[in-house]
Amino acid sequence: MLRWAVIFLVIALIALALGFGGVAGLSMDIAWILFIIFIVLFVISLVAGRFRGPRV
């Protein structure tokens, strides 16, 4: 998930440098959404790991 966010961020930066504002904006929005989803899933996995307990 984080990898895709970085890929869309790079696409947005390249599109911005080439003057494609619409593509850059859309790519930046997609990267932001993927980053937020990554953070939410990461926090959920941390919380779930805390409640699971030690492995035997």
PDB file of N, CA and C in Angstrom:
ATOM      1  N   MET A   1       0.826  -1.185   0.000  1.00  0.00           N
ATOM      2  CA  MET A   1       0.000   0.000   0.000  1.00  0.00           C
ATOM      3  C   MET A   1       0.875   1.256   0.000  1.00  0.00           C
ATOM      4  N   LEU A   2       1.866   1.243   0.847  1.00  0.00           N
ATOM      5  CA  LEU A   2       2.758   2.398   0.911  1.00  0.00           C
ATOM      6  C   LEU A   2       3.556   2.536  -0.386  1.00  0.00           C
ATOM      7  N   ARG A   3       3.890   1.419  -0.984  1.00  0.00           N
ATOM      8  CA  ARG A   3       4.631   1.449  -2.247  1.00  0.00           C
ATOM      9  C   ARG A   3       3.815   2.140  -3.338  1.00  0.00           C
ATOM     10  N   TRP A   4       2.521   1.818  -3.410  1.00  0.00           N
ATOM     11  CA  TRP A   4       1.653   2.437  -4.409  1.00  0.00           C
ATOM     12  C   TRP A   4       1.504   3.931  -4.132  1.00  0.00           C
ATOM     13  N   ALA A   5       1.449   4.320  -2.867  1.00  0.00           N
ATOM     14  CA  ALA A   5       1.351   5.737  -2.532  1.00  0.00           C
ATOM     15  C   ALA A   5       2.581   6.494  -3.020  1.00  0.00           C
ATOM     16  N   VAL A   6       3.745   5.906  -2.837  1.00  0.00           N
ATOM     17  CA  VAL A   6       4.980   6.547  -3.293  1.00  0.00           C
ATOM     18  C   VAL A   6       5.025   6.608  -4.819  1.00  0.00           C
ATOM     19  N   ILE A   7       4.563   5.557  -5.481  1.00  0.00           N
ATOM     20  CA  ILE A   7       4.535   5.555  -6.949  1.00  0.00           C
ATOM     21  C   ILE A   7       3.638   6.680  -7.466  1.00  0.00           C
ATOM     22  N   PHE A   8       2.438   6.828  -6.881  1.00  0.00           N
ATOM     23  CA  PHE A   8       1.552   7.897  -7.327  1.00  0.00           C
ATOM     24  C   PHE A   8       2.116   9.269  -6.981  1.00  0.00           C
ATOM     25  N   LEU A   9       2.853   9.382  -5.886  1.00  0.00           N
ATOM     26  CA  LEU A   9       3.498  10.649  -5.553  1.00  0.00           C
ATOM     27  C   LEU A   9       4.551  11.008  -6.594  1.00  0.00           C
ATOM     28  N   VAL A  10       5.328  10.043  -7.021  1.00  0.00           N
ATOM     29  CA  VAL A  10       6.347  10.281  -8.051  1.00  0.00           C
ATOM     30  C   VAL A  10       5.681  10.664  -9.370  1.00  0.00           C
ATOM     31  N   ILE A  11       4.589   9.973  -9.720  1.00  0.00           N
ATOM     32  CA  ILE A  11       3.847  10.317 -10.942  1.00  0.00           C
ATOM     33  C   ILE A  11       3.344  11.753 -10.860  1.00  0.00           C
ATOM     34  N   ALA A  12       2.829  12.147  -9.687  1.00  0.00           N
ATOM     35  CA  ALA A  12       2.327  13.507  -9.516  1.00  0.00           C
ATOM     36  C   ALA A  12       3.448  14.532  -9.676  1.00  0.00           C
ATOM     37  N   LEU A  13       4.603  14.246  -9.114  1.00  0.00           N
ATOM     38  CA  LEU A  13       5.720  15.198  -9.215  1.00  0.00           C
ATOM     39  C   LEU A  13       6.223  15.329 -10.646  1.00  0.00           C
ATOM     40  N   ILE A  14       6.280  14.211 -11.357  1.00  0.00           N
ATOM     41  CA  ILE A  14       6.715  14.256 -12.759  1.00  0.00           C
ATOM     42  C   ILE A  14       5.692  15.000 -13.603  1.00  0.00           C
ATOM     43  N   ALA A  15       4.401  14.717 -13.386  1.00  0.00           N
ATOM     44  CA  ALA A  15       3.355  15.407 -14.141  1.00  0.00           C
ATOM     45  C   ALA A  15       3.358  16.898 -13.844  1.00  0.00           C
ATOM     46  N   LEU A  16       3.611  17.263 -12.604  1.00  0.00           N
ATOM     47  CA  LEU A  16       3.671  18.674 -12.243  1.00  0.00           C
ATOM     48  C   LEU A  16       4.851  19.364 -12.928  1.00  0.00           C
ATOM     49  N   ALA A  17       5.977  18.686 -12.988  1.00  0.00           N
ATOM     50  CA  ALA A  17       7.160  19.250 -13.630  1.00  0.00           C
ATOM     51  C   ALA A  17       6.946  19.428 -15.135  1.00  0.00           C
ATOM     52  N   LEU A  18       6.127  18.557 -15.731  1.00  0.00           N
ATOM     53  CA  LEU A  18       5.869  18.642 -17.167  1.00  0.00           C
ATOM     54  C   LEU A  18       4.682  19.544 -17.500  1.00  0.00           C
ATOM     55  N   GLY A  19       3.994  20.036 -16.472  1.00  0.00           N
ATOM     56  CA  GLY A  19       2.913  20.974 -16.713  1.00  0.00           C
ATOM     57  C   GLY A  19       1.533  20.363 -16.814  1.00  0.00           C
ATOM     58  N   PHE A  20       1.384  19.123 -16.435  1.00  0.00           N
ATOM     59  CA  PHE A  20       0.080  18.463 -16.473  1.00  0.00           C
ATOM     60  C   PHE A  20      -0.570  18.595 -15.094  1.00  0.00           C
ATOM     61  N   GLY A  21      -1.222  19.717 -14.859  1.00  0.00           N
ATOM     62  CA  GLY A  21      -1.773  20.015 -13.547  1.00  0.00           C
ATOM     63  C   GLY A  21      -2.892  19.076 -13.134  1.00  0.00           C
ATOM     64  N   GLY A  22      -3.763  18.712 -14.070  1.00  0.00           N
ATOM     65  CA  GLY A  22      -4.878  17.824 -13.737  1.00  0.00           C
ATOM     66  C   GLY A  22      -4.415  16.443 -13.332  1.00  0.00           C
ATOM     67  N   VAL A  23      -3.488  15.910 -14.089  1.00  0.00           N
ATOM     68  CA  VAL A  23      -2.954  14.580 -13.779  1.00  0.00           C
ATOM     69  C   VAL A  23      -2.183  14.623 -12.464  1.00  0.00           C
ATOM     70  N   ALA A  24      -1.460  15.698 -12.250  1.00  0.00           N
ATOM     71  CA  ALA A  24      -0.690  15.835 -11.007  1.00  0.00           C
ATOM     72  C   ALA A  24      -1.620  15.905  -9.801  1.00  0.00           C
ATOM     73  N   GLY A  25      -2.693  16.656  -9.917  1.00  0.00           N
ATOM     74  CA  GLY A  25      -3.640  16.765  -8.814  1.00  0.00           C
ATOM     75  C   GLY A  25      -4.325  15.457  -8.504  1.00  0.00           C
ATOM     76  N   LEU A  26      -4.749  14.760  -9.547  1.00  0.00           N
ATOM     77  CA  LEU A  26      -5.412  13.472  -9.359  1.00  0.00           C
ATOM     78  C   LEU A  26      -4.450  12.445  -8.754  1.00  0.00           C
ATOM     79  N   SER A  27      -3.228  12.415  -9.244  1.00  0.00           N
ATOM     80  CA  SER A  27      -2.243  11.474  -8.707  1.00  0.00           C
ATOM     81  C   SER A  27      -1.913  11.786  -7.261  1.00  0.00           C
ATOM     82  N   MET A  28      -1.869  13.064  -6.920  1.00  0.00           N
ATOM     83  CA  MET A  28      -1.585  13.449  -5.545  1.00  0.00           C
ATOM     84  C   MET A  28      -2.741  13.050  -4.625  1.00  0.00           C
ATOM     85  N   ASP A  29      -3.976  13.205  -5.113  1.00  0.00           N
ATOM     86  CA  ASP A  29      -5.136  12.783  -4.321  1.00  0.00           C
ATOM     87  C   ASP A  29      -5.133  11.276  -4.087  1.00  0.00           C
ATOM     88  N   ILE A  30      -4.813  10.511  -5.115  1.00  0.00           N
ATOM     89  CA  ILE A  30      -4.756   9.050  -4.981  1.00  0.00           C
ATOM     90  C   ILE A  30      -3.647   8.657  -4.005  1.00  0.00           C
ATOM     91  N   ALA A  31      -2.495   9.307  -4.111  1.00  0.00           N
ATOM     92  CA  ALA A  31      -1.386   9.012  -3.199  1.00  0.00           C
ATOM     93  C   ALA A  31      -1.782   9.325  -1.762  1.00  0.00           C
ATOM     94  N   TRP A  32      -2.484  10.435  -1.552  1.00  0.00           N
ATOM     95  CA  TRP A  32      -2.910  10.818  -0.205  1.00  0.00           C
ATOM     96  C   TRP A  32      -3.887   9.792   0.363  1.00  0.00           C
ATOM     97  N   ILE A  33      -4.859   9.360  -0.432  1.00  0.00           N
ATOM     98  CA  ILE A  33      -5.845   8.368   0.018  1.00  0.00           C
ATOM     99  C   ILE A  33      -5.159   7.049   0.358  1.00  0.00           C
ATOM    100  N   LEU A  34      -4.248   6.596  -0.486  1.00  0.00           N
ATOM    101  CA  LEU A  34      -3.535   5.347  -0.216  1.00  0.00           C
ATOM    102  C   LEU A  34      -2.683   5.456   1.046  1.00  0.00           C
ATOM    103  N   PHE A  35      -2.072   6.623   1.274  1.00  0.00           N
ATOM    104  CA  PHE A  35      -1.261   6.821   2.475  1.00  0.00           C
ATOM    105  C   PHE A  35      -2.137   6.768   3.727  1.00  0.00           C
ATOM    106  N   ILE A  36      -3.301   7.392   3.684  1.00  0.00           N
ATOM    107  CA  ILE A  36      -4.211   7.369   4.828  1.00  0.00           C
ATOM    108  C   ILE A  36      -4.682   5.940   5.100  1.00  0.00           C
ATOM    109  N   ILE A  37      -5.013   5.197   4.051  1.00  0.00           N
ATOM    110  CA  ILE A  37      -5.424   3.793   4.225  1.00  0.00           C
ATOM    111  C   ILE A  37      -4.288   2.986   4.843  1.00  0.00           C
ATOM    112  N   PHE A  38      -3.048   3.241   4.393  1.00  0.00           N
ATOM    113  CA  PHE A  38      -1.897   2.546   4.955  1.00  0.00           C
ATOM    114  C   PHE A  38      -1.755   2.840   6.448  1.00  0.00           C
ATOM    115  N   ILE A  39      -1.882   4.101   6.829  1.00  0.00           N
ATOM    116  CA  ILE A  39      -1.743   4.479   8.236  1.00  0.00           C
ATOM    117  C   ILE A  39      -2.830   3.818   9.079  1.00  0.00           C
ATOM    118  N   VAL A  40      -4.069   3.826   8.586  1.00  0.00           N
ATOM    119  CA  VAL A  40      -5.176   3.215   9.328  1.00  0.00           C
ATOM    120  C   VAL A  40      -4.942   1.717   9.511  1.00  0.00           C
ATOM    121  N   LEU A  41      -4.559   1.022   8.449  1.00  0.00           N
ATOM    122  CA  LEU A  41      -4.308  -0.415   8.558  1.00  0.00           C
ATOM    123  C   LEU A  41      -3.112  -0.712   9.460  1.00  0.00           C
ATOM    124  N   PHE A  42      -2.099   0.144   9.428  1.00  0.00           N
ATOM    125  CA  PHE A  42      -0.934  -0.032  10.280  1.00  0.00           C
ATOM    126  C   PHE A  42      -1.314   0.098  11.752  1.00  0.00           C
ATOM    127  N   VAL A  43      -2.114   1.105  12.074  1.00  0.00           N
ATOM    128  CA  VAL A  43      -2.545   1.303  13.463  1.00  0.00           C
ATOM    129  C   VAL A  43      -3.427   0.142  13.911  1.00  0.00           C
ATOM    130  N   ILE A  44      -4.319  -0.322  13.051  1.00  0.00           N
ATOM    131  CA  ILE A  44      -5.169  -1.465  13.399  1.00  0.00           C
ATOM    132  C   ILE A  44      -4.326  -2.705  13.672  1.00  0.00           C
ATOM    133  N   SER A  45      -3.300  -2.935  12.859  1.00  0.00           N
ATOM    134  CA  SER A  45      -2.456  -4.112  13.086  1.00  0.00           C
ATOM    135  C   SER A  45      -1.658  -3.985  14.386  1.00  0.00           C
ATOM    136  N   LEU A  46      -1.234  -2.767  14.727  1.00  0.00           N
ATOM    137  CA  LEU A  46      -0.532  -2.574  16.000  1.00  0.00           C
ATOM    138  C   LEU A  46      -1.456  -2.844  17.182  1.00  0.00           C
ATOM    139  N   VAL A  47      -2.665  -2.334  17.115  1.00  0.00           N
ATOM    140  CA  VAL A  47      -3.621  -2.528  18.205  1.00  0.00           C
ATOM    141  C   VAL A  47      -4.001  -4.002  18.317  1.00  0.00           C
ATOM    142  N   ALA A  48      -4.230  -4.658  17.194  1.00  0.00           N
ATOM    143  CA  ALA A  48      -4.593  -6.078  17.212  1.00  0.00           C
ATOM    144  C   ALA A  48      -3.441  -6.915  17.767  1.00  0.00           C
ATOM    145  N   GLY A  49      -2.214  -6.532  17.491  1.00  0.00           N
ATOM    146  CA  GLY A  49      -1.064  -7.250  18.019  1.00  0.00           C
ATOM    147  C   GLY A  49      -0.925  -7.111  19.522  1.00  0.00           C
ATOM    148  N   ARG A  50      -1.341  -5.983  20.045  1.00  0.00           N
ATOM    149  CA  ARG A  50      -1.286  -5.769  21.495  1.00  0.00           C
ATOM    150  C   ARG A  50      -2.276  -6.662  22.229  1.00  0.00           C
ATOM    151  N   PHE A  51      -3.452  -6.840  21.656  1.00  0.00           N
ATOM    152  CA  PHE A  51      -4.491  -7.617  22.313  1.00  0.00           C
ATOM    153  C   PHE A  51      -4.344  -9.117  22.098  1.00  0.00           C
ATOM    154  N   ARG A  52      -3.530  -9.509  21.158  1.00  0.00           N
ATOM    155  CA  ARG A  52      -3.347 -10.918  20.858  1.00  0.00           C
ATOM    156  C   ARG A  52      -2.608 -11.633  21.982  1.00  0.00           C
ATOM    157  N   GLY A  53      -1.646 -10.981  22.585  1.00  0.00           N
ATOM    158  CA  GLY A  53      -0.883 -11.562  23.669  1.00  0.00           C
ATOM    159  C   GLY A  53       0.385 -12.221  23.172  1.00  0.00           C
ATOM    160  N   PRO A  54       1.176 -12.735  24.098  1.00  0.00           N
ATOM    161  CA  PRO A  54       2.454 -13.367  23.696  1.00  0.00           C
ATOM    162  C   PRO A  54       2.217 -14.697  23.004  1.00  0.00           C
ATOM    163  N   ARG A  55       3.075 -14.988  22.065  1.00  0.00           N
ATOM    164  CA  ARG A  55       2.986 -16.275  21.360  1.00  0.00           C
ATOM    165  C   ARG A  55       3.704 -17.347  22.160  1.00  0.00           C
ATOM    166  N   VAL A  56       3.127 -18.514  22.203  1.00  0.00           N
ATOM    167  CA  VAL A  56       3.689 -19.603  22.999  1.00  0.00           C
ATOM    168  C   VAL A  56       4.339 -20.605  22.087  1.00  0.00           C
TER     169      VAL A  56
END
